[in-house]
Amino acid sequence: MDNEANLNNKALESHHPWRTVQQGSHQQFLQMTTALHQLTNQFCAATLLHNAPQNLQNIWQIRTQETFHLG
């Protein structure tokens, strides 16, 4: 019976390799994911800052048009 259970476990591992992922690999994956998340946030912040003058100008024009009914 133990032999059969062992064979079943090996079959499962071959179909689901992520079940045997080592803790080190998992830790590395988390670190890479965190780094990617931080880079994405930095990119978004940089994009917002880069576009800020145009965005502010657009808002100013819209508010001016609304206030003085120029639109």
N, C-alpha and C. Protein backbone atom coordinates (compact mmCIF):
# COMPACT_ATOMS: atom_id res chain seq x y z
N MET A 1 0.83 -1.21 0.00
CA MET A 1 0.00 0.00 0.00
C MET A 1 0.87 1.26 0.00
N ASP A 2 1.95 1.23 0.80
CA ASP A 2 2.86 2.37 0.83
C ASP A 2 3.50 2.61 -0.53
N ASN A 3 3.83 1.50 -1.20
CA ASN A 3 4.42 1.60 -2.53
C ASN A 3 3.46 2.28 -3.50
N GLU A 4 2.20 1.89 -3.42
CA GLU A 4 1.18 2.46 -4.31
C GLU A 4 1.01 3.95 -4.03
N ALA A 5 0.98 4.32 -2.76
CA ALA A 5 0.86 5.74 -2.40
C ALA A 5 2.07 6.52 -2.90
N ASN A 6 3.24 5.93 -2.78
CA ASN A 6 4.46 6.57 -3.25
C ASN A 6 4.41 6.80 -4.76
N LEU A 7 3.94 5.81 -5.50
CA LEU A 7 3.80 5.94 -6.95
C LEU A 7 2.80 7.03 -7.30
N ASN A 8 1.69 7.08 -6.56
CA ASN A 8 0.69 8.12 -6.80
C ASN A 8 1.26 9.51 -6.57
N ASN A 9 2.06 9.65 -5.51
CA ASN A 9 2.69 10.94 -5.22
C ASN A 9 3.64 11.34 -6.34
N LYS A 10 4.41 10.38 -6.83
CA LYS A 10 5.35 10.69 -7.92
C LYS A 10 4.59 11.09 -9.19
N ALA A 11 3.47 10.42 -9.44
CA ALA A 11 2.66 10.76 -10.60
C ALA A 11 2.11 12.18 -10.46
N LEU A 12 1.65 12.51 -9.26
CA LEU A 12 1.14 13.86 -9.01
C LEU A 12 2.23 14.91 -9.22
N GLU A 13 3.43 14.62 -8.72
CA GLU A 13 4.53 15.56 -8.85
C GLU A 13 4.90 15.79 -10.31
N SER A 14 4.82 14.76 -11.12
CA SER A 14 5.17 14.92 -12.53
C SER A 14 4.12 15.75 -13.26
N HIS A 15 2.86 15.65 -12.81
CA HIS A 15 1.80 16.45 -13.45
C HIS A 15 1.72 17.85 -12.86
N HIS A 16 2.14 17.99 -11.62
CA HIS A 16 2.06 19.29 -10.94
C HIS A 16 3.43 19.64 -10.35
N PRO A 17 4.37 20.04 -11.20
CA PRO A 17 5.74 20.28 -10.71
C PRO A 17 5.81 21.38 -9.66
N TRP A 18 4.82 22.31 -9.65
CA TRP A 18 4.88 23.39 -8.67
C TRP A 18 4.71 22.88 -7.25
N ARG A 19 4.19 21.66 -7.10
CA ARG A 19 4.05 21.08 -5.76
C ARG A 19 5.40 20.82 -5.12
N THR A 20 6.43 20.68 -5.95
CA THR A 20 7.76 20.34 -5.42
C THR A 20 8.71 21.53 -5.45
N VAL A 21 8.18 22.73 -5.72
CA VAL A 21 9.04 23.92 -5.77
C VAL A 21 9.67 24.13 -4.40
N GLN A 22 10.95 24.38 -4.39
CA GLN A 22 11.66 24.57 -3.13
C GLN A 22 11.41 25.96 -2.57
N GLN A 23 11.58 26.09 -1.27
CA GLN A 23 11.35 27.37 -0.59
C GLN A 23 12.22 28.47 -1.19
N GLY A 24 13.46 28.15 -1.55
CA GLY A 24 14.36 29.15 -2.12
C GLY A 24 13.82 29.73 -3.41
N SER A 25 13.28 28.89 -4.27
CA SER A 25 12.72 29.35 -5.54
C SER A 25 11.51 30.24 -5.28
N HIS A 26 10.71 29.85 -4.30
CA HIS A 26 9.52 30.63 -3.95
C HIS A 26 9.94 32.02 -3.45
N GLN A 27 10.96 32.04 -2.61
CA GLN A 27 11.47 33.31 -2.07
C GLN A 27 12.00 34.19 -3.20
N GLN A 28 12.72 33.58 -4.14
CA GLN A 28 13.27 34.33 -5.28
C GLN A 28 12.13 34.90 -6.13
N PHE A 29 11.09 34.10 -6.34
CA PHE A 29 9.93 34.56 -7.11
C PHE A 29 9.28 35.76 -6.43
N LEU A 30 9.12 35.68 -5.10
CA LEU A 30 8.52 36.79 -4.37
C LEU A 30 9.37 38.06 -4.48
N GLN A 31 10.69 37.90 -4.39
CA GLN A 31 11.58 39.06 -4.50
C GLN A 31 11.48 39.69 -5.89
N MET A 32 11.43 38.86 -6.92
CA MET A 32 11.33 39.38 -8.29
C MET A 32 9.99 40.07 -8.50
N THR A 33 8.93 39.48 -7.97
CA THR A 33 7.60 40.07 -8.10
C THR A 33 7.55 41.42 -7.40
N THR A 34 8.12 41.48 -6.20
CA THR A 34 8.16 42.73 -5.45
C THR A 34 8.95 43.79 -6.21
N ALA A 35 10.09 43.40 -6.77
CA ALA A 35 10.92 44.34 -7.53
C ALA A 35 10.16 44.86 -8.75
N LEU A 36 9.46 43.97 -9.43
CA LEU A 36 8.69 44.37 -10.61
C LEU A 36 7.58 45.34 -10.22
N HIS A 37 6.93 45.06 -9.10
CA HIS A 37 5.87 45.93 -8.61
C HIS A 37 6.41 47.32 -8.30
N GLN A 38 7.59 47.39 -7.66
CA GLN A 38 8.20 48.68 -7.34
C GLN A 38 8.58 49.44 -8.61
N LEU A 39 9.12 48.72 -9.59
CA LEU A 39 9.48 49.36 -10.86
C LEU A 39 8.24 49.91 -11.56
N THR A 40 7.16 49.15 -11.52
CA THR A 40 5.91 49.59 -12.14
C THR A 40 5.41 50.87 -11.47
N ASN A 41 5.45 50.89 -10.14
CA ASN A 41 5.03 52.09 -9.41
C ASN A 41 5.89 53.28 -9.76
N GLN A 42 7.21 53.07 -9.86
CA GLN A 42 8.12 54.16 -10.21
C GLN A 42 7.84 54.67 -11.62
N PHE A 43 7.57 53.74 -12.52
CA PHE A 43 7.28 54.12 -13.91
C PHE A 43 6.00 54.95 -13.97
N CYS A 44 4.97 54.51 -13.23
CA CYS A 44 3.70 55.25 -13.22
C CYS A 44 3.90 56.65 -12.64
N ALA A 45 4.66 56.73 -11.55
CA ALA A 45 4.92 58.03 -10.92
C ALA A 45 5.68 58.94 -11.88
N ALA A 46 6.69 58.39 -12.56
CA ALA A 46 7.48 59.18 -13.50
C ALA A 46 6.61 59.67 -14.66
N THR A 47 5.72 58.81 -15.13
CA THR A 47 4.82 59.19 -16.23
C THR A 47 3.88 60.31 -15.81
N LEU A 48 3.33 60.18 -14.59
CA LEU A 48 2.45 61.24 -14.09
C LEU A 48 3.19 62.56 -13.96
N LEU A 49 4.41 62.51 -13.43
CA LEU A 49 5.20 63.74 -13.28
C LEU A 49 5.55 64.33 -14.64
N HIS A 50 5.89 63.47 -15.59
CA HIS A 50 6.25 63.93 -16.93
C HIS A 50 5.06 64.62 -17.60
N ASN A 51 3.85 64.08 -17.38
CA ASN A 51 2.66 64.62 -18.03
C ASN A 51 1.98 65.71 -17.21
N ALA A 52 2.49 65.98 -16.01
CA ALA A 52 1.82 66.92 -15.10
C ALA A 52 1.58 68.30 -15.71
N PRO A 53 2.58 68.92 -16.36
CA PRO A 53 2.34 70.26 -16.91
C PRO A 53 1.17 70.28 -17.91
N GLN A 54 1.13 69.29 -18.79
CA GLN A 54 0.05 69.23 -19.78
C GLN A 54 -1.29 68.96 -19.10
N ASN A 55 -1.28 68.05 -18.12
CA ASN A 55 -2.52 67.74 -17.40
C ASN A 55 -3.05 68.98 -16.68
N LEU A 56 -2.15 69.72 -16.03
CA LEU A 56 -2.57 70.93 -15.32
C LEU A 56 -3.11 71.97 -16.29
N GLN A 57 -2.45 72.09 -17.44
CA GLN A 57 -2.91 73.06 -18.45
C GLN A 57 -4.30 72.67 -18.94
N ASN A 58 -4.52 71.38 -19.17
CA ASN A 58 -5.84 70.92 -19.62
C ASN A 58 -6.91 71.22 -18.58
N ILE A 59 -6.59 70.94 -17.31
CA ILE A 59 -7.55 71.20 -16.23
C ILE A 59 -7.85 72.70 -16.15
N TRP A 60 -6.79 73.51 -16.24
CA TRP A 60 -6.95 74.96 -16.18
C TRP A 60 -7.86 75.45 -17.31
N GLN A 61 -7.65 74.95 -18.52
CA GLN A 61 -8.48 75.35 -19.66
C GLN A 61 -9.94 74.96 -19.45
N ILE A 62 -10.15 73.73 -18.96
CA ILE A 62 -11.52 73.26 -18.73
C ILE A 62 -12.21 74.11 -17.68
N ARG A 63 -11.50 74.37 -16.56
CA ARG A 63 -12.09 75.18 -15.48
C ARG A 63 -12.38 76.61 -15.97
N THR A 64 -11.46 77.16 -16.77
CA THR A 64 -11.66 78.52 -17.29
C THR A 64 -12.88 78.56 -18.20
N GLN A 65 -13.01 77.56 -19.06
CA GLN A 65 -14.15 77.50 -19.97
C GLN A 65 -15.45 77.35 -19.19
N GLU A 66 -15.44 76.53 -18.14
CA GLU A 66 -16.65 76.34 -17.33
C GLU A 66 -17.01 77.63 -16.61
N THR A 67 -15.99 78.31 -16.07
CA THR A 67 -16.23 79.52 -15.27
C THR A 67 -16.78 80.65 -16.14
N PHE A 68 -16.18 80.83 -17.32
CA PHE A 68 -16.56 81.95 -18.17
C PHE A 68 -17.44 81.52 -19.34
N HIS A 69 -17.89 80.27 -19.32
CA HIS A 69 -18.76 79.73 -20.37
C HIS A 69 -18.20 79.97 -21.76
N LEU A 70 -16.92 79.65 -21.90
CA LEU A 70 -16.25 79.86 -23.19
C LEU A 70 -16.35 78.64 -24.09
N GLY A 71 -16.75 77.50 -23.53
CA GLY A 71 -16.71 76.25 -24.27
C GLY A 71 -17.83 76.03 -25.15
